[in-house]
Amino acid sequence: MLVEPGKAARPVEMKNDLHEMQQMVGGPIQALYPWEEPVAIVCNDEGKNMGLPLNRVLENYDIIAGAFFVCGIQGENFSSLTEKQMQKYQQMFLSPEKFIQTPEGLLCIRINPVVSPKPKTKKPPNHER
């Protein structure tokens, strides 16, 4: 599940390859394990130092800078998320967050994604009399 600054989370397919993971997050990777569930957040280890845009608040104690992805864990390896996990983490990171500097510190505003209405289709005129 890829989570980019200013965007809703979206499923992606990628190889379990260090180079591809580094490309996904824009630099050296760091794995975080904030939950008891066997999943990891993989982000750029130097994201804040590089000045990457702030992305999402993590469990009310940290902010992840730059793109990151959520993946499963099997043993010591990263793996795919289950379908249930995909739904859970896509919903968790669905709304982008905007950060504003205030005199008291950072203010985080969650932006609800815009859902486009379905186009209305006109019914053909009824020619029966």
Protein backbone atom coordinates (compact mmCIF):
# COMPACT_ATOMS: atom_id res chain seq x y z
CA MET A 1 0.00 0.00 0.00
CA LEU A 2 1.76 3.16 -1.20
CA VAL A 3 1.12 6.39 0.72
CA GLU A 4 2.42 9.58 -0.92
CA PRO A 5 2.22 13.12 0.47
CA GLY A 6 -1.01 14.83 -0.56
CA LYS A 7 -2.54 11.67 -2.04
CA ALA A 8 -4.85 8.90 -0.94
CA ALA A 9 -3.22 5.53 -0.22
CA ARG A 10 -3.29 3.14 -3.15
CA PRO A 11 -2.33 -0.47 -3.74
CA VAL A 12 0.86 -1.07 -5.71
CA GLU A 13 2.74 -4.15 -6.81
CA MET A 14 6.48 -4.27 -6.36
CA LYS A 15 9.28 -6.79 -6.17
CA ASN A 16 10.84 -7.67 -2.84
CA ASP A 17 14.00 -5.91 -4.03
CA LEU A 18 16.02 -3.35 -2.07
CA HIS A 19 16.64 -1.11 -5.11
CA GLU A 20 12.93 -0.99 -5.98
CA MET A 21 12.00 -0.23 -2.36
CA GLN A 22 14.55 2.59 -2.26
CA GLN A 23 13.13 4.01 -5.49
CA MET A 24 9.62 3.86 -4.03
CA VAL A 25 10.60 5.99 -0.98
CA GLY A 26 13.31 8.09 -2.66
CA GLY A 27 16.35 6.93 -0.69
CA PRO A 28 17.64 4.55 1.98
CA ILE A 29 14.86 2.61 3.63
CA GLN A 30 13.87 2.31 7.27
CA ALA A 31 11.26 -0.16 8.55
CA LEU A 32 8.94 0.83 11.37
CA TYR A 33 6.75 -1.58 13.31
CA PRO A 34 4.12 0.57 15.06
CA TRP A 35 1.48 -2.14 15.42
CA GLU A 36 1.35 -5.64 16.88
CA GLU A 37 0.01 -6.95 13.56
CA PRO A 38 2.76 -8.42 11.34
CA VAL A 39 3.10 -5.38 9.06
CA ALA A 40 5.79 -2.77 8.51
CA ILE A 41 5.88 0.82 7.36
CA VAL A 42 8.84 1.27 5.03
CA CYS A 43 9.92 4.88 4.62
CA ASN A 44 12.94 6.97 3.71
CA ASP A 45 15.41 6.78 6.60
CA GLU A 46 16.59 10.34 5.90
CA GLY A 47 13.22 11.83 4.86
CA LYS A 48 13.08 14.58 7.48
CA ASN A 49 16.78 15.44 7.13
CA MET A 50 16.33 15.69 3.36
CA GLY A 51 13.36 18.05 3.83
CA LEU A 52 10.88 15.71 2.14
CA PRO A 53 7.28 16.87 2.45
CA LEU A 54 5.51 15.76 5.60
CA ASN A 55 3.11 12.96 4.80
CA ARG A 56 1.12 11.37 7.66
CA VAL A 57 0.99 11.38 11.45
CA LEU A 58 2.00 8.00 12.81
CA GLU A 59 0.12 6.94 15.94
CA ASN A 60 0.14 10.47 17.42
CA TYR A 61 3.87 10.39 18.19
CA ASP A 62 5.71 10.99 14.93
CA ILE A 63 5.26 12.29 11.40
CA ILE A 64 6.53 10.40 8.37
CA ALA A 65 8.21 12.57 5.74
CA GLY A 66 8.09 11.54 2.10
CA ALA A 67 6.43 8.55 0.47
CA PHE A 68 6.16 5.27 2.36
CA PHE A 69 4.52 1.91 1.90
CA VAL A 70 2.86 -0.57 4.21
CA CYS A 71 3.70 -4.23 3.66
CA GLY A 72 3.29 -7.54 5.41
CA ILE A 73 6.00 -9.42 7.29
CA GLN A 74 6.74 -13.13 7.01
CA GLY A 75 9.61 -14.18 9.22
CA GLU A 76 12.39 -11.69 8.54
CA ASN A 77 11.12 -10.76 5.06
CA PHE A 78 8.66 -8.23 3.74
CA SER A 79 5.61 -9.72 2.05
CA SER A 80 2.30 -8.78 0.48
CA LEU A 81 -0.56 -7.58 2.61
CA THR A 82 -3.60 -9.80 2.91
CA GLU A 83 -6.81 -8.54 1.31
CA LYS A 84 -8.15 -7.63 4.77
CA GLN A 85 -4.92 -5.72 5.59
CA MET A 86 -5.07 -3.92 2.23
CA GLN A 87 -8.56 -2.65 3.04
CA LYS A 88 -7.58 -1.70 6.59
CA TYR A 89 -4.47 0.31 5.68
CA GLN A 90 -5.97 1.88 2.58
CA GLN A 91 -8.80 3.17 4.78
CA MET A 92 -6.34 4.23 7.52
CA PHE A 93 -4.29 6.33 5.10
CA LEU A 94 -7.09 7.29 2.70
CA SER A 95 -7.18 10.98 3.60
CA PRO A 96 -4.10 13.10 2.88
CA GLU A 97 -2.87 15.30 5.71
CA LYS A 98 -1.65 18.90 5.46
CA PHE A 99 0.71 20.36 8.05
CA ILE A 100 0.72 24.04 9.03
CA GLN A 101 3.32 25.64 11.29
CA THR A 102 1.71 27.59 14.15
CA PRO A 103 3.26 29.36 17.18
CA GLU A 104 2.24 26.32 19.26
CA GLY A 105 3.77 23.79 16.82
CA LEU A 106 2.52 21.86 13.82
CA LEU A 107 -1.18 21.70 13.07
CA CYS A 108 -2.33 18.64 11.14
CA ILE A 109 -5.41 18.91 8.96
CA ARG A 110 -6.89 15.76 7.44
CA ILE A 111 -8.25 16.39 3.96
CA ASN A 112 -11.25 14.31 2.99
CA PRO A 113 -10.83 12.84 -0.48
CA VAL A 114 -13.16 14.24 -3.10
CA VAL A 115 -15.49 11.67 -4.59
CA SER A 116 -16.65 12.58 -8.08
CA PRO A 117 -20.35 12.03 -8.61
CA LYS A 118 -21.27 9.43 -11.18
CA PRO A 119 -22.43 11.01 -14.42
CA LYS A 120 -26.18 10.83 -14.85
CA THR A 121 -27.33 8.96 -17.88
CA LYS A 122 -30.41 10.19 -19.60
CA LYS A 123 -33.12 7.69 -20.21
CA PRO A 124 -34.30 7.50 -23.79
CA PRO A 125 -37.68 9.13 -24.27
CA ASN A 126 -40.63 6.78 -23.94
CA HIS A 127 -42.33 6.73 -27.35
CA GLU A 128 -45.19 4.48 -26.31
CA ARG A 129 -48.64 6.02 -26.14
